[in-house]
Amino acid sequence: MASIRSLIHCFALAVLCGSHGVSAEAIADRLNTPAFMSSHAEQRLMLDITAQGHQLVAVGDHGIVLRSTDQGQHWQQQATPFSVMLTSIFSTDQQHAWLTGHDGLLAVSHDGGVSWTPSLDGHQINQLRLQRLQANVSALKARVDAEPENALLAEQLDDAAWYADDAAMAVEEGPSIPLLDVWFANRQRGFALGAYGLLLKTDDGGENWVYWGDRLENPDNFHLHAIRLDHRGYLYIAGEAGLLFRSVDGGERWTRIVTPYDGSFFSITEFQQQLFLMGLRGHLYRSEDGLDWQAVNTGDKATLLGAVVDAQKLLLLGQGGLLLQSSDGQHFTRLDSGERRSMSAGVAVDGGYILAGEGGLLSVESEHE
């Protein structure tokens, strides 16, 4: 079983996408069965955490949502109407937040993470994708009819028809594709992404979503793992097989950026106006412009899963309990958490960090230089 988000992206995708062999009824049960309330919920697998003003909200396995109003000293599980694995959370302000999960779950909170309402699920996502790809086929057919000798258009039509057929099969198989990350520019405009090239967009606060995956140069439908904004207002999407996309217009158009690594990137972050890409086997890359990427040698080969950033420090999170702290993004010092469990996300608090991952939530002190 996957124990941290990176393994979900890789090995566990084979398991969860093995839900192709799971009945639609079983999946529907996870989407509609409330999470079990446990007195030890903070010790379960947690995959992401966010700060909402003075409170923290973390999400994880079996639909668990935890809130803390005292910097992570105490946690309270919140009731949720679903029990799928939750993979990410993003706060737009102190009251509004979004989370993603397996089986295409996308849910929203309007009360600081106390209660959650599903906005979208895998059934609806499959229909959105099918409608978009069928519309692409219809448009290309019209162009081919007008230019019957255009071999390039004919080839594009064949490709579009294949993708539409694949989308039709997904509708029959049910909601097996997980969402892995979500980001909002404000309370109205946002994006959610996930496995097999899935990308969705809303311009009305989640009232309506459109399939946006065909806007990316990703013909093999590689998994999309993370979306982030830099200080210039440029958006980035990182994924498997060295995928990196950038949008300079708020996500309307995306350009594929060549990276020096063809393995999976699990996270992208910004620290002191420098971008950092991190992924398998300790690969870390740094860029000042988002186009030219230089390798950073951290001295460790453990897979990097995520990062925590504050004004003074960059903390990288890796497998096997690896924690690497830096004040300049080039030289790193190991932090000893006293644990070997892998962490995938975290937030900075007074004097240190609260981390989410294998075995639940962990408090770690910062190293002061």
Foldseek 3Di string as FASTA:
>chain_A
DDFELQCCLPVVLCVLLCCLVPAQVVVVCQAQAKADADPQVQQAFWYEKDDADQKIWTFFAQGWIWIDNHQPPDIHTAIERGGFTKAYKDAQHNQKIWTWGFQGWIWMGRGRRRYIDTLDGQLVLLVLQLVVLVVVLVVLVVVCVVVVPPPVSVVVNVLSVVSNVVSVVDNVSGRRWTWHYKDAPHQAWIWIFWAQQWIWIGRGNSNDIHTDSVLDPCSRSFTWADWDAAPLRKIWIFFAQGWIWIDPPNPPHIDTADDPGGGGWRDWDDAPQKIWTFFAQGWIWIDNPSHDTDTACAPGGFGWAYWEYDNQWIWTWGAQGWIWIDRPVRYTDTFCQVGGHGFRYWYADVQFIWTGTRRRIGTGGDDDD
